[in-house]
Amino acid sequence: MNSSIIDKVKSAYDKNVDILITFTKKSVNIKTGDIPQVNMLLADEKPTDALKSGSDFAICGNCELRPTNHKEKPIAEMPCYVNCGFAPNAIHRIKDKLLETDKQVWPIIRHGAYGDPFAAGKKVNDKIRAKAKKVIAYTHAWQLKAASYLAEFCMASVHSIKGKIEANKKGFRTFRTVKYACSILADDEIVCPNFTNAIQCKDCGLCDGNQSKTAKNIVIPIH
């Protein structure tokens, strides 16, 4: 079984909603490469339905790229890059499967292939971090005081220089989207190596928050 559930918890974004934390051992994601992926899904609603109803807030918070937010505050030509009709919907169907019991420690894990790591809560996030030597992850919750611990392994997802500066002051390294590849970068930013040299995340590993102590902030053109 490639995907399984590692936990079912109340969302840190909405304590009234149950979410599933799922673990997929193998991936065909071209950008990340074949590394384990962690998804956060609503326990009782299919991902594509949650996008339409707006209940995806429980896993994504107020991410500016959520389709419901995108309609009111456009960030790009297209909203969130995750196609919920594929992997998230397929993984959601495993919700009655046995819980993940694998004790293997992986070289690297992508946390939040869908969903924001903040939604999982600190206890689950500690469990996920223990499953890998390195975790790569992104969060839009960096402005929340309760999410400050995420700076240890998450990049702050930002969409402006102002956001980048604010997140840096809070102790986060940043992953900033820009409209054009020729956009001006700050001195402490570099363009994502996948965009410039097709280096996969499994071989790069720079989007690991403060696990990489001296790494620069990352910028990527909207894709």
Protein backbone atom coordinates (compact mmCIF):
# COMPACT_ATOMS: atom_id res chain seq x y z
CA MET A 1 0.00 0.00 0.00
CA ASN A 2 1.62 3.25 -1.16
CA SER A 3 -0.55 5.63 0.89
CA SER A 4 -1.86 5.29 4.43
CA ILE A 5 -3.13 7.38 7.33
CA ILE A 6 -0.67 8.34 10.04
CA ASP A 7 -3.14 10.32 12.15
CA LYS A 8 -6.64 11.75 12.45
CA VAL A 9 -6.78 14.97 14.47
CA LYS A 10 -8.73 18.18 14.96
CA SER A 11 -7.49 20.91 12.65
CA ALA A 12 -5.35 23.59 14.26
CA TYR A 13 -7.19 26.04 12.00
CA ASP A 14 -10.66 24.83 13.03
CA LYS A 15 -10.95 22.73 16.19
CA ASN A 16 -14.40 21.51 15.12
CA VAL A 17 -13.12 19.75 12.00
CA ASP A 18 -11.42 16.36 11.75
CA ILE A 19 -8.55 16.07 9.30
CA LEU A 20 -6.53 13.12 8.06
CA ILE A 21 -2.73 13.22 7.93
CA THR A 22 -1.69 10.85 5.16
CA PHE A 23 1.69 9.46 4.12
CA THR A 24 2.50 8.43 0.55
CA LYS A 25 5.77 6.53 0.23
CA LYS A 26 6.39 6.91 -3.51
CA SER A 27 5.72 9.88 -5.77
CA VAL A 28 5.81 10.66 -9.48
CA ASN A 29 5.98 14.42 -8.80
CA ILE A 30 8.46 15.74 -11.38
CA LYS A 31 9.49 18.75 -9.30
CA THR A 32 10.11 16.97 -5.98
CA GLY A 33 11.32 13.65 -7.33
CA ASP A 34 10.44 10.31 -5.78
CA ILE A 35 10.22 11.21 -2.09
CA PRO A 36 7.50 10.52 0.50
CA GLN A 37 4.71 13.09 0.56
CA VAL A 38 2.47 14.11 3.47
CA ASN A 39 -1.04 15.37 2.70
CA MET A 40 -3.66 16.90 4.98
CA LEU A 41 -7.25 16.16 3.97
CA LEU A 42 -10.68 16.74 5.46
CA ALA A 43 -11.88 13.50 7.02
CA ASP A 44 -15.48 13.84 5.88
CA GLU A 45 -15.33 15.78 2.61
CA LYS A 46 -13.67 15.02 -0.70
CA PRO A 47 -10.90 17.53 -1.55
CA THR A 48 -12.55 18.78 -4.74
CA ASP A 49 -15.81 19.35 -2.85
CA ALA A 50 -13.98 21.18 -0.07
CA LEU A 51 -12.50 23.60 -2.63
CA LYS A 52 -15.99 24.55 -3.77
CA SER A 53 -17.54 24.81 -0.30
CA GLY A 54 -14.65 26.73 1.25
CA SER A 55 -14.25 24.15 4.01
CA ASP A 56 -10.67 23.63 2.81
CA PHE A 57 -9.94 26.43 5.33
CA ALA A 58 -9.46 23.66 7.91
CA ILE A 59 -6.39 22.39 6.07
CA CYS A 60 -5.17 25.48 4.24
CA GLY A 61 -6.12 28.37 6.52
CA ASN A 62 -6.26 31.75 4.83
CA CYS A 63 -3.75 30.86 2.12
CA GLU A 64 -4.09 33.54 -0.53
CA LEU A 65 -3.98 30.88 -3.26
CA ARG A 66 -7.13 29.06 -2.10
CA PRO A 67 -9.69 29.27 -4.93
CA THR A 68 -12.28 30.98 -2.70
CA ASN A 69 -9.76 33.68 -1.72
CA HIS A 70 -8.38 33.93 -5.23
CA LYS A 71 -11.72 35.08 -6.58
CA GLU A 72 -11.63 38.13 -4.33
CA LYS A 73 -7.90 38.81 -4.20
CA PRO A 74 -6.12 37.57 -7.33
CA ILE A 75 -2.49 36.51 -6.87
CA ALA A 76 -1.85 35.01 -10.28
CA GLU A 77 -3.51 33.90 -13.47
CA MET A 78 -4.26 30.63 -11.67
CA PRO A 79 -4.82 29.91 -7.95
CA CYS A 80 -3.34 26.97 -5.99
CA TYR A 81 -1.13 24.70 -8.11
CA VAL A 82 -2.46 21.50 -6.48
CA ASN A 83 -4.90 19.58 -8.68
CA CYS A 84 -7.19 18.03 -6.08
CA GLY A 85 -8.84 15.89 -8.73
CA PHE A 86 -5.74 13.71 -8.88
CA ALA A 87 -3.63 12.71 -5.85
CA PRO A 88 -5.67 14.32 -3.03
CA ASN A 89 -8.97 12.77 -4.18
CA ALA A 90 -7.31 9.38 -4.71
CA ILE A 91 -5.60 9.45 -1.31
CA HIS A 92 -8.84 10.49 0.39
CA ARG A 93 -10.36 7.15 -0.60
CA ILE A 94 -7.91 5.29 1.68
CA LYS A 95 -9.45 6.77 4.84
CA ASP A 96 -10.61 3.36 6.09
CA LYS A 97 -7.20 1.72 5.63
CA LEU A 98 -4.93 0.70 8.51
CA LEU A 99 -2.81 3.37 10.14
CA GLU A 100 0.79 3.79 9.03
CA THR A 101 3.12 1.72 11.23
CA ASP A 102 6.33 2.00 9.23
CA LYS A 103 9.25 2.99 11.48
CA GLN A 104 11.66 3.74 8.64
CA VAL A 105 13.52 7.04 8.81
CA TRP A 106 13.56 8.54 5.32
CA PRO A 107 16.33 10.81 3.94
CA ILE A 108 13.82 13.52 3.04
CA ILE A 109 10.04 14.05 3.23
CA ARG A 110 7.81 16.65 1.57
CA HIS A 111 5.32 17.77 4.23
CA GLY A 112 2.23 19.52 2.92
CA ALA A 113 2.08 18.26 -0.64
CA TYR A 114 -1.48 19.39 -0.04
CA GLY A 115 -2.52 21.36 3.03
CA ASP A 116 -0.59 23.58 5.42
CA PRO A 117 1.58 21.86 8.07
CA PHE A 118 0.12 24.18 10.73
CA ALA A 119 -3.22 22.39 10.36
CA ALA A 120 -1.71 19.14 11.64
CA GLY A 121 -0.69 20.59 15.03
CA LYS A 122 2.66 20.39 16.80
CA LYS A 123 2.28 16.84 18.14
CA VAL A 124 1.72 15.39 14.65
CA ASN A 125 4.39 17.63 13.14
CA ASP A 126 6.92 16.31 15.65
CA LYS A 127 5.95 12.78 14.60
CA ILE A 128 6.45 13.63 10.93
CA ARG A 129 9.82 15.27 11.58
CA ALA A 130 10.95 12.10 13.35
CA LYS A 131 10.22 10.13 10.18
CA ALA A 132 12.92 11.92 8.16
CA LYS A 133 16.44 13.26 8.36
CA LYS A 134 15.17 16.36 6.54
CA VAL A 135 11.68 17.80 6.00
CA ILE A 136 10.81 20.30 3.29
CA ALA A 137 7.62 22.28 3.85
CA TYR A 138 5.82 25.60 3.33
CA THR A 139 3.32 27.51 5.44
CA HIS A 140 1.05 30.51 5.06
CA ALA A 141 0.51 30.50 8.84
CA TRP A 142 3.81 32.27 9.57
CA GLN A 143 1.98 35.38 10.78
CA LEU A 144 0.33 33.44 13.63
CA LYS A 145 2.12 33.40 16.98
CA ALA A 146 1.08 29.78 17.51
CA ALA A 147 2.87 28.83 14.29
CA SER A 148 6.28 30.24 15.24
CA TYR A 149 7.67 26.75 15.87
CA LEU A 150 7.19 25.95 12.17
CA ALA A 151 10.19 28.14 11.31
CA GLU A 152 12.36 25.19 12.33
CA PHE A 153 11.39 23.22 9.21
CA CYS A 154 8.96 25.29 7.11
CA MET A 155 9.48 28.06 4.60
CA ALA A 156 7.11 31.00 4.94
CA SER A 157 5.09 31.25 1.73
CA VAL A 158 4.95 34.91 0.74
CA HIS A 159 3.88 36.85 -2.34
CA SER A 160 5.61 40.21 -1.93
CA ILE A 161 8.83 41.79 -0.71
CA LYS A 162 6.87 43.24 2.21
CA GLY A 163 5.75 39.75 3.19
CA LYS A 164 9.29 38.46 2.83
CA ILE A 165 10.67 41.13 5.16
CA GLU A 166 7.95 40.53 7.75
CA ALA A 167 8.44 36.75 7.72
CA ASN A 168 12.23 37.10 8.00
CA LYS A 169 11.76 39.30 11.07
CA LYS A 170 9.69 36.50 12.62
CA GLY A 171 12.55 34.08 12.09
CA PHE A 172 11.31 32.35 8.93
CA ARG A 173 13.18 31.80 5.72
CA THR A 174 10.89 32.59 2.81
CA PHE A 175 9.62 31.08 -0.43
CA ARG A 176 8.40 34.05 -2.48
CA THR A 177 6.37 33.89 -5.67
CA VAL A 178 7.00 36.47 -8.38
CA LYS A 179 5.19 37.06 -11.64
CA TYR A 180 8.24 37.12 -13.91
CA ALA A 181 11.52 35.20 -14.02
CA CYS A 182 13.36 38.50 -14.49
CA SER A 183 11.99 40.01 -11.25
CA ILE A 184 14.48 41.81 -9.02
CA LEU A 185 15.69 39.73 -6.09
CA ALA A 186 16.86 40.86 -2.67
CA ASP A 187 20.52 40.20 -1.86
CA ASP A 188 19.54 37.29 0.38
CA GLU A 189 17.37 35.54 -2.22
CA ILE A 190 18.03 33.02 -4.98
CA VAL A 191 15.77 31.55 -7.66
CA CYS A 192 14.54 28.02 -7.02
CA PRO A 193 17.17 25.58 -8.43
CA ASN A 194 14.39 23.52 -9.97
CA PHE A 195 13.35 26.50 -12.08
CA THR A 196 16.90 27.41 -13.12
CA ASN A 197 18.53 23.99 -13.44
CA ALA A 198 15.73 21.39 -13.13
CA ILE A 199 17.23 20.14 -9.85
CA GLN A 200 14.62 18.09 -8.01
CA CYS A 201 13.73 18.82 -4.39
CA LYS A 202 15.08 15.43 -3.29
CA ASP A 203 18.54 16.55 -4.45
CA CYS A 204 18.22 20.20 -3.42
CA GLY A 205 16.57 20.26 -0.01
CA LEU A 206 16.89 24.04 0.44
CA CYS A 207 13.21 24.55 1.31
CA ASP A 208 13.71 23.14 4.80
CA GLY A 209 13.18 26.22 6.94
CA ASN A 210 15.98 26.74 9.44
CA GLN A 211 17.35 23.23 9.07
CA SER A 212 19.69 24.83 6.51
CA LYS A 213 21.30 27.41 8.75
CA THR A 214 23.04 29.54 6.12
CA ALA A 215 20.79 29.05 3.08
CA LYS A 216 19.21 32.03 1.35
CA ASN A 217 15.52 32.72 0.85
CA ILE A 218 13.98 31.17 -2.27
CA VAL A 219 12.09 32.88 -5.09
CA ILE A 220 10.06 31.17 -7.83
CA PRO A 221 8.15 32.58 -10.81
CA ILE A 222 4.45 31.68 -10.67
CA HIS A 223 3.91 28.34 -12.36
